[in-house]
């Protein structure tokens, strides 16, 4: 899969892997909301990273998930990896 990674892709993967907290609306403006405020801790993000790697055939380095504190940062990181993999 070489298409760009989007917020919709991320939301789907988060919901499939970890679900969502009852008080969190993933359909709201969440791009710059911290993952911790969305109810996703490190284990959920590791699961998310694994799913992204499998679906987009990329390898995320360890810091990709720990450094990405918001959905926007993770999406940007994943898209950089996709671009590099396609080059």
C-alpha atoms as a PDB file:
ATOM      1  CA  UNK A   1       0.000   0.000   0.000  1.00  0.00           C
ATOM      2  CA  UNK A   2       1.580   3.276  -1.024  1.00  0.00           C
ATOM      3  CA  UNK A   3      -1.211   5.858  -0.651  1.00  0.00           C
ATOM      4  CA  UNK A   4      -0.787   8.587   1.921  1.00  0.00           C
ATOM      5  CA  UNK A   5      -1.633   7.788   5.503  1.00  0.00           C
ATOM      6  CA  UNK A   6      -4.564   9.901   6.683  1.00  0.00           C
ATOM      7  CA  UNK A   7      -6.387  10.778   9.857  1.00  0.00           C
ATOM      8  CA  UNK A   8      -9.184   8.433   8.805  1.00  0.00           C
ATOM      9  CA  UNK A   9      -6.635   5.606   8.500  1.00  0.00           C
ATOM     10  CA  UNK A  10      -5.288   6.406  11.953  1.00  0.00           C
ATOM     11  CA  UNK A  11      -8.726   6.590  13.555  1.00  0.00           C
ATOM     12  CA  UNK A  12      -9.703   3.234  12.053  1.00  0.00           C
ATOM     13  CA  UNK A  13      -6.519   1.579  13.287  1.00  0.00           C
ATOM     14  CA  UNK A  14      -6.853   3.098  16.758  1.00  0.00           C
ATOM     15  CA  UNK A  15     -10.455   1.916  17.035  1.00  0.00           C
ATOM     16  CA  UNK A  16      -9.635  -1.582  15.767  1.00  0.00           C
ATOM     17  CA  UNK A  17      -6.631  -1.968  18.026  1.00  0.00           C
ATOM     18  CA  UNK A  18      -7.576  -0.188  21.209  1.00  0.00           C
ATOM     19  CA  UNK A  19     -11.115   1.113  20.914  1.00  0.00           C
ATOM     20  CA  UNK A  20     -11.986   4.558  22.222  1.00  0.00           C
ATOM     21  CA  UNK A  21     -12.719   6.000  25.606  1.00  0.00           C
ATOM     22  CA  UNK A  22     -16.385   6.812  26.154  1.00  0.00           C
ATOM     23  CA  UNK A  23     -15.692  10.508  26.662  1.00  0.00           C
ATOM     24  CA  UNK A  24     -13.569  10.913  23.527  1.00  0.00           C
ATOM     25  CA  UNK A  25     -15.002  11.850  20.135  1.00  0.00           C
ATOM     26  CA  UNK A  26     -12.509  10.748  17.513  1.00  0.00           C
ATOM     27  CA  UNK A  27     -14.635  12.485  14.891  1.00  0.00           C
ATOM     28  CA  UNK A  28     -13.890  15.861  16.484  1.00  0.00           C
ATOM     29  CA  UNK A  29     -10.846  18.042  15.842  1.00  0.00           C
ATOM     30  CA  UNK A  30      -8.212  15.715  17.263  1.00  0.00           C
ATOM     31  CA  UNK A  31      -5.213  16.339  15.005  1.00  0.00           C
ATOM     32  CA  UNK A  32      -3.310  18.291  17.639  1.00  0.00           C
ATOM     33  CA  UNK A  33      -4.718  16.600  20.723  1.00  0.00           C
ATOM     34  CA  UNK A  34      -2.225  14.594  22.738  1.00  0.00           C
ATOM     35  CA  UNK A  35      -2.687  10.838  22.489  1.00  0.00           C
ATOM     36  CA  UNK A  36      -2.798  10.684  26.262  1.00  0.00           C
ATOM     37  CA  UNK A  37      -5.743  13.124  26.266  1.00  0.00           C
ATOM     38  CA  UNK A  38      -7.461  10.853  23.743  1.00  0.00           C
ATOM     39  CA  UNK A  39      -7.004   7.932  26.130  1.00  0.00           C
ATOM     40  CA  UNK A  40      -4.193   6.174  24.251  1.00  0.00           C
ATOM     41  CA  UNK A  41      -1.164   5.171  26.270  1.00  0.00           C
ATOM     42  CA  UNK A  42       2.091   3.662  25.050  1.00  0.00           C
ATOM     43  CA  UNK A  43       0.795   0.093  24.723  1.00  0.00           C
ATOM     44  CA  UNK A  44      -2.070   1.229  22.487  1.00  0.00           C
ATOM     45  CA  UNK A  45       0.367   3.224  20.370  1.00  0.00           C
ATOM     46  CA  UNK A  46       2.681   0.236  20.035  1.00  0.00           C
ATOM     47  CA  UNK A  47      -0.250  -1.827  18.782  1.00  0.00           C
ATOM     48  CA  UNK A  48      -1.153   1.007  16.428  1.00  0.00           C
ATOM     49  CA  UNK A  49       2.408   1.143  15.120  1.00  0.00           C
ATOM     50  CA  UNK A  50       2.415  -2.580  14.444  1.00  0.00           C
ATOM     51  CA  UNK A  51      -0.821  -2.342  12.507  1.00  0.00           C
ATOM     52  CA  UNK A  52       0.477   0.611  10.484  1.00  0.00           C
ATOM     53  CA  UNK A  53       3.664  -1.293   9.648  1.00  0.00           C
ATOM     54  CA  UNK A  54       1.721  -4.320   8.440  1.00  0.00           C
ATOM     55  CA  UNK A  55      -0.815  -2.393   6.377  1.00  0.00           C
ATOM     56  CA  UNK A  56       1.619   0.071   4.784  1.00  0.00           C
ATOM     57  CA  UNK A  57       4.599  -2.294   4.525  1.00  0.00           C
ATOM     58  CA  UNK A  58       6.928   0.100   6.320  1.00  0.00           C
ATOM     59  CA  UNK A  59       9.130  -0.143   9.369  1.00  0.00           C
ATOM     60  CA  UNK A  60       8.780   2.538  12.011  1.00  0.00           C
ATOM     61  CA  UNK A  61      11.804   3.126  14.185  1.00  0.00           C
ATOM     62  CA  UNK A  62      11.300   2.986  17.937  1.00  0.00           C
ATOM     63  CA  UNK A  63      11.236   6.745  18.328  1.00  0.00           C
ATOM     64  CA  UNK A  64       8.517   7.216  15.686  1.00  0.00           C
ATOM     65  CA  UNK A  65       5.801   6.320  18.158  1.00  0.00           C
ATOM     66  CA  UNK A  66       7.352   7.754  21.273  1.00  0.00           C
ATOM     67  CA  UNK A  67       8.154  11.097  19.633  1.00  0.00           C
ATOM     68  CA  UNK A  68       4.725  11.491  18.036  1.00  0.00           C
ATOM     69  CA  UNK A  69       2.585  13.009  20.757  1.00  0.00           C
ATOM     70  CA  UNK A  70      -0.409  13.857  18.592  1.00  0.00           C
ATOM     71  CA  UNK A  71      -2.219  12.330  15.620  1.00  0.00           C
ATOM     72  CA  UNK A  72      -0.779  15.031  13.313  1.00  0.00           C
ATOM     73  CA  UNK A  73       2.764  14.186  14.360  1.00  0.00           C
ATOM     74  CA  UNK A  74       2.215  10.451  13.873  1.00  0.00           C
ATOM     75  CA  UNK A  75       0.550  10.958  10.477  1.00  0.00           C
ATOM     76  CA  UNK A  76       3.473  13.134   9.340  1.00  0.00           C
ATOM     77  CA  UNK A  77       5.961  10.541  10.554  1.00  0.00           C
ATOM     78  CA  UNK A  78       4.160   7.674   8.839  1.00  0.00           C
ATOM     79  CA  UNK A  79       3.916   9.610   5.575  1.00  0.00           C
ATOM     80  CA  UNK A  80       7.659  10.342   5.665  1.00  0.00           C
ATOM     81  CA  UNK A  81       8.318   6.612   6.056  1.00  0.00           C
ATOM     82  CA  UNK A  82       5.906   5.795   3.214  1.00  0.00           C
ATOM     83  CA  UNK A  83       7.651   8.322   0.947  1.00  0.00           C
ATOM     84  CA  UNK A  84      11.072   6.904   1.809  1.00  0.00           C
ATOM     85  CA  UNK A  85       9.879   3.344   1.216  1.00  0.00           C
ATOM     86  CA  UNK A  86       8.502   4.292  -2.202  1.00  0.00           C
ATOM     87  CA  UNK A  87      11.741   6.033  -3.317  1.00  0.00           C
END
